[in-house]
Amino acid sequence: MACLSCPEYVDVIDIGYLTLTADDKEGIDAWFGDEQLRRAWSNLMNDLGDELANEEYRLAELYPLEKDATKPSDSFAEWCQGYLAGYFLTQEAWQEAHEFLTEEEIPNIAEEHTATLDMISAFADWEEALAENKTPQRLLDNIGSMLKVVDDGVSVIHALALLLEDNRINTMLAEQPVVRDEPKVGRNDPCPCGSGKKYKRCCLN
């Protein structure tokens, strides 16, 4: 999910290079040798990207808190751990994005991004968050509000990433004008190469 919400597109091959080690021969063989697996992953990412773009991906519905809950569900904690792992894979791109936002004098967006990540970190290891917080009862009292902030924040981060990606692409196009012999292909249109992927997740990258 975090790799979908990155200012620079991370394709299925990059994810393999970023997550697999040279010792994991079985994983490498499966990821880079099984075209069906990679196509299924690409389809999943396309579907999740559409849900995020349409604001249909809601954590509060997927991982609802029980009444009077004092901790997140195990499944939501695992989701948060996975999100952080994906973020760390793309951290360099986000650092550059934060620098750009600061230069453009809109640092509040970067601060909101960081605040959302802090809450995701707290949910990822709730016991540690309670132990390290000076007012743990405040966390316990506001667990529902925190989930809502993360739920909204994930959509905002995704929208911000798309805007930053568009800005980067537009800057590149302005620096290297292209003369088209064929009609323009939209970012969400099927890629003309016939891969079945969206243009923004294939040859546009």
N, C-alpha and C. Protein backbone atom coordinates (compact mmCIF):
# COMPACT_ATOMS: atom_id res chain seq x y z
N MET A 1 0.82 -1.20 0.00
CA MET A 1 0.00 0.00 0.00
C MET A 1 0.87 1.27 0.00
N ALA A 2 1.91 1.25 0.81
CA ALA A 2 2.79 2.42 0.86
C ALA A 2 3.50 2.62 -0.46
N CYS A 3 3.81 1.52 -1.16
CA CYS A 3 4.50 1.65 -2.45
C CYS A 3 3.58 2.27 -3.50
N LEU A 4 2.26 2.12 -3.31
CA LEU A 4 1.31 2.79 -4.20
C LEU A 4 1.26 4.28 -3.92
N SER A 5 1.60 4.65 -2.69
CA SER A 5 1.51 6.05 -2.26
C SER A 5 2.91 6.64 -2.18
N CYS A 6 3.61 6.58 -3.28
CA CYS A 6 4.98 7.09 -3.34
C CYS A 6 5.08 8.12 -4.45
N PRO A 7 5.83 9.20 -4.25
CA PRO A 7 5.97 10.22 -5.30
C PRO A 7 6.63 9.71 -6.57
N GLU A 8 7.34 8.59 -6.47
CA GLU A 8 7.95 7.98 -7.64
C GLU A 8 7.42 6.56 -7.76
N TYR A 9 6.94 6.19 -8.94
CA TYR A 9 6.33 4.89 -9.12
C TYR A 9 7.32 3.76 -8.83
N VAL A 10 6.87 2.79 -8.05
CA VAL A 10 7.66 1.61 -7.73
C VAL A 10 7.02 0.43 -8.46
N ASP A 11 7.68 -0.11 -9.48
CA ASP A 11 7.03 -1.18 -10.24
C ASP A 11 7.30 -2.53 -9.61
N VAL A 12 6.67 -3.55 -10.16
CA VAL A 12 6.72 -4.89 -9.57
C VAL A 12 8.15 -5.44 -9.55
N ILE A 13 8.95 -5.10 -10.54
CA ILE A 13 10.35 -5.56 -10.55
C ILE A 13 11.13 -4.88 -9.43
N ASP A 14 10.93 -3.56 -9.28
CA ASP A 14 11.63 -2.83 -8.22
C ASP A 14 11.30 -3.40 -6.84
N ILE A 15 10.03 -3.75 -6.63
CA ILE A 15 9.63 -4.30 -5.33
C ILE A 15 10.38 -5.59 -5.05
N GLY A 16 10.56 -6.42 -6.09
CA GLY A 16 11.34 -7.64 -5.92
C GLY A 16 12.76 -7.35 -5.52
N TYR A 17 13.41 -6.39 -6.18
CA TYR A 17 14.78 -6.03 -5.84
C TYR A 17 14.89 -5.45 -4.44
N LEU A 18 13.86 -4.71 -4.03
CA LEU A 18 13.90 -4.04 -2.75
C LEU A 18 13.63 -4.98 -1.57
N THR A 19 12.82 -6.00 -1.79
CA THR A 19 12.35 -6.83 -0.68
C THR A 19 13.05 -8.18 -0.58
N LEU A 20 13.59 -8.68 -1.69
CA LEU A 20 14.20 -10.01 -1.68
C LEU A 20 15.72 -9.91 -1.53
N THR A 21 16.29 -10.88 -0.85
CA THR A 21 17.74 -10.92 -0.70
C THR A 21 18.31 -11.99 -1.62
N ALA A 22 19.60 -11.92 -1.86
CA ALA A 22 20.25 -12.89 -2.75
C ALA A 22 20.14 -14.31 -2.21
N ASP A 23 19.98 -14.45 -0.89
CA ASP A 23 19.88 -15.78 -0.28
C ASP A 23 18.52 -16.43 -0.51
N ASP A 24 17.52 -15.60 -0.82
CA ASP A 24 16.16 -16.13 -1.00
C ASP A 24 15.98 -16.58 -2.45
N LYS A 25 16.60 -17.68 -2.81
CA LYS A 25 16.57 -18.15 -4.19
C LYS A 25 15.15 -18.53 -4.61
N GLU A 26 14.43 -19.18 -3.70
CA GLU A 26 13.06 -19.59 -4.03
C GLU A 26 12.18 -18.37 -4.31
N GLY A 27 12.32 -17.35 -3.46
CA GLY A 27 11.53 -16.14 -3.67
C GLY A 27 11.90 -15.42 -4.94
N ILE A 28 13.21 -15.35 -5.23
CA ILE A 28 13.67 -14.69 -6.45
C ILE A 28 13.16 -15.43 -7.69
N ASP A 29 13.25 -16.76 -7.65
CA ASP A 29 12.77 -17.55 -8.80
C ASP A 29 11.28 -17.33 -9.03
N ALA A 30 10.53 -17.29 -7.93
CA ALA A 30 9.08 -17.11 -8.06
C ALA A 30 8.74 -15.71 -8.55
N TRP A 31 9.40 -14.69 -7.96
CA TRP A 31 9.04 -13.31 -8.27
C TRP A 31 9.45 -12.90 -9.69
N PHE A 32 10.67 -13.28 -10.07
CA PHE A 32 11.17 -12.85 -11.37
C PHE A 32 10.93 -13.87 -12.47
N GLY A 33 10.56 -15.09 -12.10
CA GLY A 33 10.37 -16.11 -13.12
C GLY A 33 8.93 -16.46 -13.41
N ASP A 34 8.03 -16.09 -12.48
CA ASP A 34 6.62 -16.44 -12.65
C ASP A 34 5.85 -15.23 -13.15
N GLU A 35 5.63 -15.17 -14.46
CA GLU A 35 4.93 -14.03 -15.06
C GLU A 35 3.50 -13.93 -14.54
N GLN A 36 2.87 -15.06 -14.28
CA GLN A 36 1.50 -15.05 -13.79
C GLN A 36 1.42 -14.41 -12.40
N LEU A 37 2.41 -14.70 -11.56
CA LEU A 37 2.45 -14.09 -10.23
C LEU A 37 2.62 -12.58 -10.34
N ARG A 38 3.53 -12.13 -11.18
CA ARG A 38 3.76 -10.68 -11.32
C ARG A 38 2.54 -9.99 -11.91
N ARG A 39 1.87 -10.65 -12.86
CA ARG A 39 0.67 -10.05 -13.44
C ARG A 39 -0.44 -9.93 -12.40
N ALA A 40 -0.56 -10.97 -11.57
CA ALA A 40 -1.58 -10.93 -10.50
C ALA A 40 -1.28 -9.79 -9.53
N TRP A 41 0.02 -9.61 -9.21
CA TRP A 41 0.42 -8.50 -8.33
C TRP A 41 0.08 -7.16 -8.96
N SER A 42 0.36 -7.01 -10.24
CA SER A 42 0.08 -5.76 -10.94
C SER A 42 -1.42 -5.47 -10.94
N ASN A 43 -2.23 -6.51 -11.16
CA ASN A 43 -3.68 -6.34 -11.14
C ASN A 43 -4.16 -5.91 -9.76
N LEU A 44 -3.58 -6.53 -8.73
CA LEU A 44 -3.95 -6.16 -7.36
C LEU A 44 -3.60 -4.71 -7.08
N MET A 45 -2.41 -4.28 -7.49
CA MET A 45 -2.00 -2.91 -7.27
C MET A 45 -2.89 -1.92 -8.03
N ASN A 46 -3.29 -2.30 -9.25
CA ASN A 46 -4.20 -1.44 -10.02
C ASN A 46 -5.54 -1.28 -9.29
N ASP A 47 -6.06 -2.40 -8.76
CA ASP A 47 -7.35 -2.35 -8.06
C ASP A 47 -7.25 -1.51 -6.79
N LEU A 48 -6.18 -1.72 -6.02
CA LEU A 48 -6.00 -0.94 -4.80
C LEU A 48 -5.80 0.55 -5.11
N GLY A 49 -5.06 0.82 -6.19
CA GLY A 49 -4.85 2.21 -6.59
C GLY A 49 -6.16 2.89 -6.95
N ASP A 50 -7.04 2.17 -7.63
CA ASP A 50 -8.35 2.73 -7.97
C ASP A 50 -9.17 3.00 -6.72
N GLU A 51 -9.13 2.07 -5.76
CA GLU A 51 -9.87 2.27 -4.52
C GLU A 51 -9.35 3.48 -3.76
N LEU A 52 -8.05 3.64 -3.72
CA LEU A 52 -7.48 4.80 -3.04
C LEU A 52 -7.87 6.10 -3.75
N ALA A 53 -7.75 6.10 -5.08
CA ALA A 53 -8.06 7.31 -5.85
C ALA A 53 -9.53 7.70 -5.71
N ASN A 54 -10.40 6.70 -5.59
CA ASN A 54 -11.84 6.97 -5.46
C ASN A 54 -12.28 7.07 -4.01
N GLU A 55 -11.30 7.05 -3.09
CA GLU A 55 -11.56 7.14 -1.65
C GLU A 55 -12.50 6.04 -1.18
N GLU A 56 -12.33 4.85 -1.75
CA GLU A 56 -13.15 3.69 -1.38
C GLU A 56 -12.40 2.75 -0.44
N TYR A 57 -11.12 2.98 -0.25
CA TYR A 57 -10.32 2.12 0.63
C TYR A 57 -10.40 2.70 2.03
N ARG A 58 -11.15 2.06 2.93
CA ARG A 58 -11.37 2.60 4.26
C ARG A 58 -10.92 1.62 5.33
N LEU A 59 -9.89 2.00 6.05
CA LEU A 59 -9.33 1.14 7.09
C LEU A 59 -10.33 0.89 8.21
N ALA A 60 -11.14 1.90 8.53
CA ALA A 60 -12.09 1.75 9.62
C ALA A 60 -13.12 0.67 9.32
N GLU A 61 -13.38 0.42 8.04
CA GLU A 61 -14.32 -0.64 7.66
C GLU A 61 -13.61 -1.98 7.56
N LEU A 62 -12.37 -1.96 7.09
CA LEU A 62 -11.61 -3.21 6.95
C LEU A 62 -11.13 -3.74 8.30
N TYR A 63 -10.78 -2.83 9.20
CA TYR A 63 -10.24 -3.22 10.50
C TYR A 63 -10.98 -2.47 11.62
N PRO A 64 -12.26 -2.75 11.79
CA PRO A 64 -13.03 -2.00 12.81
C PRO A 64 -12.55 -2.31 14.23
N LEU A 65 -12.59 -1.29 15.07
CA LEU A 65 -12.25 -1.48 16.47
C LEU A 65 -13.45 -2.06 17.21
N GLU A 66 -13.16 -2.97 18.12
CA GLU A 66 -14.23 -3.48 18.97
C GLU A 66 -14.68 -2.39 19.94
N LYS A 67 -15.89 -2.53 20.44
CA LYS A 67 -16.40 -1.56 21.40
C LYS A 67 -15.50 -1.54 22.63
N ASP A 68 -15.15 -0.33 23.06
CA ASP A 68 -14.28 -0.13 24.23
C ASP A 68 -12.91 -0.78 24.04
N ALA A 69 -12.44 -0.84 22.80
CA ALA A 69 -11.13 -1.44 22.52
C ALA A 69 -10.02 -0.64 23.18
N THR A 70 -9.02 -1.34 23.68
CA THR A 70 -7.86 -0.68 24.28
C THR A 70 -6.60 -0.93 23.46
N LYS A 71 -6.75 -1.61 22.33
CA LYS A 71 -5.62 -1.84 21.43
C LYS A 71 -6.16 -2.16 20.04
N PRO A 72 -5.35 -1.95 19.01
CA PRO A 72 -5.80 -2.28 17.66
C PRO A 72 -5.86 -3.79 17.49
N SER A 73 -6.64 -4.24 16.52
CA SER A 73 -6.70 -5.67 16.23
C SER A 73 -5.34 -6.15 15.72
N ASP A 74 -5.07 -7.42 15.88
CA ASP A 74 -3.80 -7.97 15.39
C ASP A 74 -3.66 -7.77 13.88
N SER A 75 -4.77 -7.92 13.15
CA SER A 75 -4.71 -7.78 11.69
C SER A 75 -4.39 -6.35 11.30
N PHE A 76 -4.93 -5.37 12.04
CA PHE A 76 -4.62 -3.97 11.73
C PHE A 76 -3.17 -3.64 12.09
N ALA A 77 -2.69 -4.19 13.19
CA ALA A 77 -1.29 -3.98 13.57
C ALA A 77 -0.37 -4.53 12.48
N GLU A 78 -0.73 -5.69 11.93
CA GLU A 78 0.07 -6.27 10.84
C GLU A 78 0.02 -5.38 9.60
N TRP A 79 -1.16 -4.81 9.32
CA TRP A 79 -1.28 -3.90 8.17
C TRP A 79 -0.34 -2.71 8.37
N CYS A 80 -0.32 -2.15 9.58
CA CYS A 80 0.54 -1.01 9.88
C CYS A 80 2.01 -1.37 9.73
N GLN A 81 2.38 -2.57 10.19
CA GLN A 81 3.77 -3.02 10.03
C GLN A 81 4.14 -3.13 8.56
N GLY A 82 3.22 -3.66 7.75
CA GLY A 82 3.47 -3.77 6.32
C GLY A 82 3.56 -2.41 5.65
N TYR A 83 2.71 -1.47 6.08
CA TYR A 83 2.74 -0.13 5.49
C TYR A 83 4.07 0.54 5.78
N LEU A 84 4.55 0.40 7.02
CA LEU A 84 5.84 1.00 7.37
C LEU A 84 6.98 0.38 6.58
N ALA A 85 6.92 -0.94 6.38
CA ALA A 85 7.96 -1.60 5.60
C ALA A 85 7.99 -1.05 4.18
N GLY A 86 6.80 -0.84 3.60
CA GLY A 86 6.72 -0.27 2.26
C GLY A 86 7.21 1.17 2.23
N TYR A 87 6.89 1.93 3.28
CA TYR A 87 7.35 3.32 3.34
C TYR A 87 8.87 3.39 3.39
N PHE A 88 9.49 2.53 4.19
CA PHE A 88 10.95 2.57 4.31
C PHE A 88 11.63 2.22 2.98
N LEU A 89 10.96 1.42 2.15
CA LEU A 89 11.50 1.12 0.83
C LEU A 89 11.51 2.35 -0.06
N THR A 90 10.58 3.28 0.20
CA THR A 90 10.44 4.47 -0.64
C THR A 90 10.84 5.74 0.11
N GLN A 91 11.52 5.59 1.24
CA GLN A 91 11.81 6.72 2.11
C GLN A 91 12.62 7.81 1.41
N GLU A 92 13.56 7.41 0.56
CA GLU A 92 14.40 8.40 -0.12
C GLU A 92 13.57 9.31 -1.00
N ALA A 93 12.60 8.74 -1.72
CA ALA A 93 11.73 9.55 -2.58
C ALA A 93 10.90 10.52 -1.74
N TRP A 94 10.45 10.06 -0.56
CA TRP A 94 9.66 10.94 0.29
C TRP A 94 10.52 12.06 0.90
N GLN A 95 11.77 11.75 1.21
CA GLN A 95 12.65 12.80 1.73
C GLN A 95 12.83 13.91 0.71
N GLU A 96 13.00 13.53 -0.55
CA GLU A 96 13.10 14.53 -1.62
C GLU A 96 11.79 15.30 -1.75
N ALA A 97 10.68 14.60 -1.60
CA ALA A 97 9.37 15.26 -1.69
C ALA A 97 9.19 16.28 -0.58
N HIS A 98 9.61 15.92 0.64
CA HIS A 98 9.50 16.86 1.77
C HIS A 98 10.36 18.10 1.53
N GLU A 99 11.54 17.90 0.97
CA GLU A 99 12.40 19.04 0.65
C GLU A 99 11.73 19.95 -0.37
N PHE A 100 11.10 19.33 -1.38
CA PHE A 100 10.40 20.11 -2.40
C PHE A 100 9.25 20.90 -1.79
N LEU A 101 8.47 20.26 -0.91
CA LEU A 101 7.33 20.93 -0.28
C LEU A 101 7.80 22.10 0.59
N THR A 102 8.92 21.91 1.27
CA THR A 102 9.47 22.99 2.10
C THR A 102 9.93 24.15 1.24
N GLU A 103 10.59 23.83 0.12
CA GLU A 103 11.04 24.88 -0.80
C GLU A 103 9.86 25.65 -1.38
N GLU A 104 8.74 24.94 -1.58
CA GLU A 104 7.54 25.59 -2.12
C GLU A 104 6.72 26.28 -1.04
N GLU A 105 7.26 26.27 0.18
CA GLU A 105 6.63 26.93 1.34
C GLU A 105 5.28 26.33 1.67
N ILE A 106 5.18 25.00 1.57
CA ILE A 106 3.98 24.29 2.02
C ILE A 106 4.39 23.13 2.92
N PRO A 107 5.17 23.42 3.97
CA PRO A 107 5.69 22.35 4.83
C PRO A 107 4.62 21.67 5.67
N ASN A 108 3.43 22.31 5.83
CA ASN A 108 2.39 21.71 6.66
C ASN A 108 1.95 20.36 6.13
N ILE A 109 2.00 20.17 4.80
CA ILE A 109 1.61 18.90 4.22
C ILE A 109 2.61 17.81 4.61
N ALA A 110 3.89 18.17 4.58
CA ALA A 110 4.92 17.22 5.00
C ALA A 110 4.75 16.87 6.48
N GLU A 111 4.36 17.85 7.29
CA GLU A 111 4.16 17.60 8.71
C GLU A 111 2.97 16.67 8.93
N GLU A 112 1.90 16.83 8.14
CA GLU A 112 0.73 15.95 8.25
C GLU A 112 1.11 14.52 7.85
N HIS A 113 1.94 14.41 6.82
CA HIS A 113 2.42 13.11 6.40
C HIS A 113 3.19 12.43 7.52
N THR A 114 4.09 13.16 8.14
CA THR A 114 4.89 12.62 9.23
C THR A 114 4.01 12.24 10.42
N ALA A 115 3.01 13.07 10.73
CA ALA A 115 2.11 12.77 11.85
C ALA A 115 1.33 11.48 11.60
N THR A 116 0.87 11.29 10.36
CA THR A 116 0.15 10.05 10.03
C THR A 116 1.06 8.84 10.19
N LEU A 117 2.30 8.97 9.73
CA LEU A 117 3.26 7.86 9.88
C LEU A 117 3.53 7.57 11.35
N ASP A 118 3.58 8.59 12.19
CA ASP A 118 3.80 8.39 13.62
C ASP A 118 2.66 7.57 14.23
N MET A 119 1.44 7.86 13.81
CA MET A 119 0.30 7.11 14.34
C MET A 119 0.30 5.68 13.82
N ILE A 120 0.67 5.50 12.56
CA ILE A 120 0.78 4.14 12.02
C ILE A 120 1.84 3.37 12.80
N SER A 121 2.94 4.04 13.14
CA SER A 121 4.01 3.41 13.93
C SER A 121 3.49 3.00 15.30
N ALA A 122 2.66 3.85 15.90
CA ALA A 122 2.10 3.52 17.21
C ALA A 122 1.21 2.29 17.12
N PHE A 123 0.36 2.21 16.10
CA PHE A 123 -0.52 1.05 15.94
C PHE A 123 0.28 -0.21 15.62
N ALA A 124 1.40 -0.05 14.92
CA ALA A 124 2.21 -1.20 14.53
C ALA A 124 2.79 -1.92 15.75
N ASP A 125 3.12 -1.16 16.80
CA ASP A 125 3.62 -1.76 18.05
C ASP A 125 2.98 -1.00 19.20
N TRP A 126 1.74 -1.33 19.48
CA TRP A 126 0.93 -0.60 20.44
C TRP A 126 1.52 -0.65 21.85
N GLU A 127 2.01 -1.83 22.25
CA GLU A 127 2.56 -1.96 23.60
C GLU A 127 3.77 -1.05 23.79
N GLU A 128 4.62 -1.00 22.78
CA GLU A 128 5.79 -0.12 22.86
C GLU A 128 5.37 1.34 22.88
N ALA A 129 4.36 1.68 22.08
CA ALA A 129 3.88 3.06 22.05
C ALA A 129 3.35 3.48 23.42
N LEU A 130 2.63 2.59 24.08
CA LEU A 130 2.11 2.90 25.42
C LEU A 130 3.25 3.04 26.42
N ALA A 131 4.24 2.17 26.30
CA ALA A 131 5.36 2.19 27.24
C ALA A 131 6.20 3.45 27.10
N GLU A 132 6.33 3.95 25.87
CA GLU A 132 7.20 5.10 25.63
C GLU A 132 6.48 6.44 25.77
N ASN A 133 5.14 6.42 25.75
CA ASN A 133 4.38 7.66 25.81
C ASN A 133 4.28 8.18 27.24
N LYS A 134 4.44 9.49 27.41
CA LYS A 134 4.38 10.07 28.75
C LYS A 134 2.96 10.03 29.31
N THR A 135 1.97 10.03 28.42
CA THR A 135 0.57 9.96 28.86
C THR A 135 -0.12 8.82 28.13
N PRO A 136 0.18 7.58 28.49
CA PRO A 136 -0.40 6.42 27.79
C PRO A 136 -1.93 6.38 27.82
N GLN A 137 -2.51 6.90 28.90
CA GLN A 137 -3.97 6.88 28.98
C GLN A 137 -4.59 7.72 27.88
N ARG A 138 -3.87 8.77 27.48
CA ARG A 138 -4.37 9.61 26.39
C ARG A 138 -4.45 8.82 25.09
N LEU A 139 -3.45 7.95 24.86
CA LEU A 139 -3.51 7.08 23.68
C LEU A 139 -4.71 6.15 23.76
N LEU A 140 -4.90 5.55 24.94
CA LEU A 140 -6.01 4.61 25.12
C LEU A 140 -7.36 5.30 24.91
N ASP A 141 -7.48 6.53 25.41
CA ASP A 141 -8.74 7.26 25.30
C ASP A 141 -9.03 7.71 23.87
N ASN A 142 -7.98 7.83 23.06
CA ASN A 142 -8.17 8.39 21.72
C ASN A 142 -7.88 7.39 20.60
N ILE A 143 -7.93 6.11 20.91
CA ILE A 143 -7.60 5.11 19.90
C ILE A 143 -8.54 5.18 18.69
N GLY A 144 -9.82 5.46 18.92
CA GLY A 144 -10.77 5.58 17.82
C GLY A 144 -10.48 6.78 16.94
N SER A 145 -10.16 7.90 17.58
CA SER A 145 -9.83 9.11 16.82
C SER A 145 -8.54 8.92 16.02
N MET A 146 -7.59 8.20 16.61
CA MET A 146 -6.34 7.94 15.91
C MET A 146 -6.56 7.10 14.67
N LEU A 147 -7.42 6.08 14.79
CA LEU A 147 -7.73 5.24 13.63
C LEU A 147 -8.35 6.07 12.52
N LYS A 148 -9.24 7.02 12.88
CA LYS A 148 -9.85 7.87 11.86
C LYS A 148 -8.81 8.76 11.18
N VAL A 149 -7.87 9.28 11.96
CA VAL A 149 -6.81 10.12 11.39
C VAL A 149 -5.96 9.32 10.41
N VAL A 150 -5.61 8.09 10.80
CA VAL A 150 -4.83 7.23 9.90
C VAL A 150 -5.64 6.89 8.67
N ASP A 151 -6.92 6.56 8.86
CA ASP A 151 -7.81 6.22 7.74
C ASP A 151 -7.85 7.36 6.73
N ASP A 152 -8.08 8.57 7.20
CA ASP A 152 -8.12 9.73 6.31
C ASP A 152 -6.72 10.04 5.76
N GLY A 153 -5.71 9.87 6.61
CA GLY A 153 -4.35 10.23 6.22
C GLY A 153 -3.81 9.37 5.10
N VAL A 154 -4.17 8.09 5.09
CA VAL A 154 -3.69 7.20 4.02
C VAL A 154 -4.20 7.68 2.66
N SER A 155 -5.45 8.11 2.60
CA SER A 155 -5.99 8.64 1.34
C SER A 155 -5.31 9.95 0.96
N VAL A 156 -5.06 10.80 1.95
CA VAL A 156 -4.40 12.08 1.68
C VAL A 156 -2.98 11.86 1.18
N ILE A 157 -2.26 10.92 1.81
CA ILE A 157 -0.89 10.62 1.39
C ILE A 157 -0.88 10.14 -0.05
N HIS A 158 -1.82 9.28 -0.39
CA HIS A 158 -1.90 8.76 -1.77
C HIS A 158 -2.16 9.89 -2.75
N ALA A 159 -3.11 10.78 -2.43
CA ALA A 159 -3.41 11.91 -3.32
C ALA A 159 -2.20 12.83 -3.45
N LEU A 160 -1.51 13.08 -2.35
CA LEU A 160 -0.30 13.91 -2.39
C LEU A 160 0.77 13.27 -3.27
N ALA A 161 0.94 11.96 -3.12
CA ALA A 161 1.96 11.26 -3.92
C ALA A 161 1.66 11.39 -5.41
N LEU A 162 0.38 11.27 -5.79
CA LEU A 162 0.01 11.40 -7.20
C LEU A 162 0.30 12.80 -7.72
N LEU A 163 0.00 13.81 -6.89
CA LEU A 163 0.28 15.19 -7.30
C LEU A 163 1.77 15.42 -7.49
N LEU A 164 2.56 14.89 -6.57
CA LEU A 164 4.01 15.04 -6.67
C LEU A 164 4.56 14.28 -7.87
N GLU A 165 3.98 13.10 -8.13
CA GLU A 165 4.40 12.32 -9.29
C GLU A 165 4.07 13.07 -10.59
N ASP A 166 2.85 13.64 -10.63
CA ASP A 166 2.45 14.42 -11.81
C ASP A 166 3.39 15.61 -12.01
N ASN A 167 3.73 16.28 -10.90
CA ASN A 167 4.64 17.43 -11.01
C ASN A 167 5.98 17.00 -11.57
N ARG A 168 6.50 15.86 -11.09
CA ARG A 168 7.79 15.36 -11.57
C ARG A 168 7.71 15.01 -13.07
N ILE A 169 6.62 14.35 -13.45
CA ILE A 169 6.46 13.96 -14.85
C ILE A 169 6.33 15.20 -15.74
N ASN A 170 5.53 16.16 -15.29
CA ASN A 170 5.35 17.39 -16.09
C ASN A 170 6.66 18.16 -16.22
N THR A 171 7.47 18.16 -15.15
CA THR A 171 8.77 18.81 -15.22
C THR A 171 9.67 18.12 -16.23
N MET A 172 9.65 16.79 -16.22
CA MET A 172 10.46 16.03 -17.17
C MET A 172 10.00 16.28 -18.61
N LEU A 173 8.68 16.33 -18.81
CA LEU A 173 8.16 16.57 -20.16
C LEU A 173 8.48 17.98 -20.64
N ALA A 174 8.47 18.94 -19.71
CA ALA A 174 8.78 20.31 -20.09
C ALA A 174 10.25 20.44 -20.51
N GLU A 175 11.09 19.64 -19.85
CA GLU A 175 12.51 19.68 -20.18
C GLU A 175 12.83 18.93 -21.46
N GLN A 176 11.99 17.93 -21.81
CA GLN A 176 12.22 17.12 -23.00
C GLN A 176 10.93 17.04 -23.81
N PRO A 177 10.62 18.09 -24.59
CA PRO A 177 9.39 18.08 -25.38
C PRO A 177 9.33 16.87 -26.30
N VAL A 178 8.12 16.30 -26.40
CA VAL A 178 7.92 15.11 -27.23
C VAL A 178 6.94 15.44 -28.36
N VAL A 179 7.30 15.06 -29.57
CA VAL A 179 6.40 15.21 -30.71
C VAL A 179 5.68 13.89 -30.91
N ARG A 180 4.35 13.91 -30.82
CA ARG A 180 3.57 12.68 -30.91
C ARG A 180 3.14 12.39 -32.34
N ASP A 181 3.32 11.13 -32.73
CA ASP A 181 2.80 10.65 -34.01
C ASP A 181 1.46 9.97 -33.82
N GLU A 182 1.12 9.66 -32.54
CA GLU A 182 -0.12 8.96 -32.23
C GLU A 182 -0.88 9.75 -31.18
N PRO A 183 -2.20 9.46 -31.01
CA PRO A 183 -3.00 10.16 -30.00
C PRO A 183 -2.41 9.97 -28.61
N LYS A 184 -2.60 10.98 -27.75
CA LYS A 184 -2.09 10.92 -26.39
C LYS A 184 -2.78 9.81 -25.61
N VAL A 185 -2.00 9.09 -24.80
CA VAL A 185 -2.54 8.03 -23.95
C VAL A 185 -2.61 8.57 -22.54
N GLY A 186 -3.79 8.46 -21.90
CA GLY A 186 -3.96 8.93 -20.53
C GLY A 186 -3.24 8.04 -19.53
N ARG A 187 -2.92 8.58 -18.35
CA ARG A 187 -2.19 7.82 -17.34
C ARG A 187 -2.93 6.58 -16.91
N ASN A 188 -4.27 6.63 -16.90
CA ASN A 188 -5.07 5.49 -16.45
C ASN A 188 -5.60 4.64 -17.60
N ASP A 189 -5.18 4.96 -18.84
CA ASP A 189 -5.59 4.15 -19.99
C ASP A 189 -4.72 2.90 -20.07
N PRO A 190 -5.24 1.85 -20.74
CA PRO A 190 -4.40 0.66 -20.94
C PRO A 190 -3.14 1.04 -21.72
N CYS A 191 -2.01 0.48 -21.32
CA CYS A 191 -0.75 0.79 -21.98
C CYS A 191 -0.77 0.27 -23.41
N PRO A 192 -0.37 1.09 -24.38
CA PRO A 192 -0.39 0.66 -25.78
C PRO A 192 0.56 -0.48 -26.10
N CYS A 193 1.45 -0.83 -25.15
CA CYS A 193 2.38 -1.93 -25.42
C CYS A 193 1.70 -3.28 -25.32
N GLY A 194 0.45 -3.28 -24.80
CA GLY A 194 -0.29 -4.53 -24.74
C GLY A 194 -0.05 -5.35 -23.49
N SER A 195 0.58 -4.77 -22.47
CA SER A 195 0.91 -5.53 -21.25
C SER A 195 -0.33 -5.80 -20.39
N GLY A 196 -1.39 -5.01 -20.60
CA GLY A 196 -2.56 -5.12 -19.76
C GLY A 196 -2.53 -4.20 -18.55
N LYS A 197 -1.39 -3.58 -18.31
CA LYS A 197 -1.27 -2.66 -17.19
C LYS A 197 -1.73 -1.26 -17.60
N LYS A 198 -1.99 -0.43 -16.58
CA LYS A 198 -2.27 0.97 -16.87
C LYS A 198 -1.00 1.65 -17.36
N TYR A 199 -1.16 2.65 -18.22
CA TYR A 199 -0.02 3.34 -18.82
C TYR A 199 0.92 3.88 -17.76
N LYS A 200 0.34 4.43 -16.64
CA LYS A 200 1.19 5.04 -15.61
C LYS A 200 2.01 4.00 -14.87
N ARG A 201 1.61 2.73 -14.94
CA ARG A 201 2.31 1.67 -14.24
C ARG A 201 3.10 0.80 -15.22
N CYS A 202 3.30 1.31 -16.41
CA CYS A 202 4.04 0.49 -17.38
C CYS A 202 5.04 1.39 -18.12
N CYS A 203 4.74 1.73 -19.36
CA CYS A 203 5.72 2.43 -20.19
C CYS A 203 5.91 3.90 -19.82
N LEU A 204 4.96 4.47 -19.07
CA LEU A 204 5.14 5.85 -18.63
C LEU A 204 6.26 5.93 -17.61
N ASN A 205 6.46 4.87 -16.86
CA ASN A 205 7.47 4.87 -15.79
C ASN A 205 8.87 5.02 -16.36
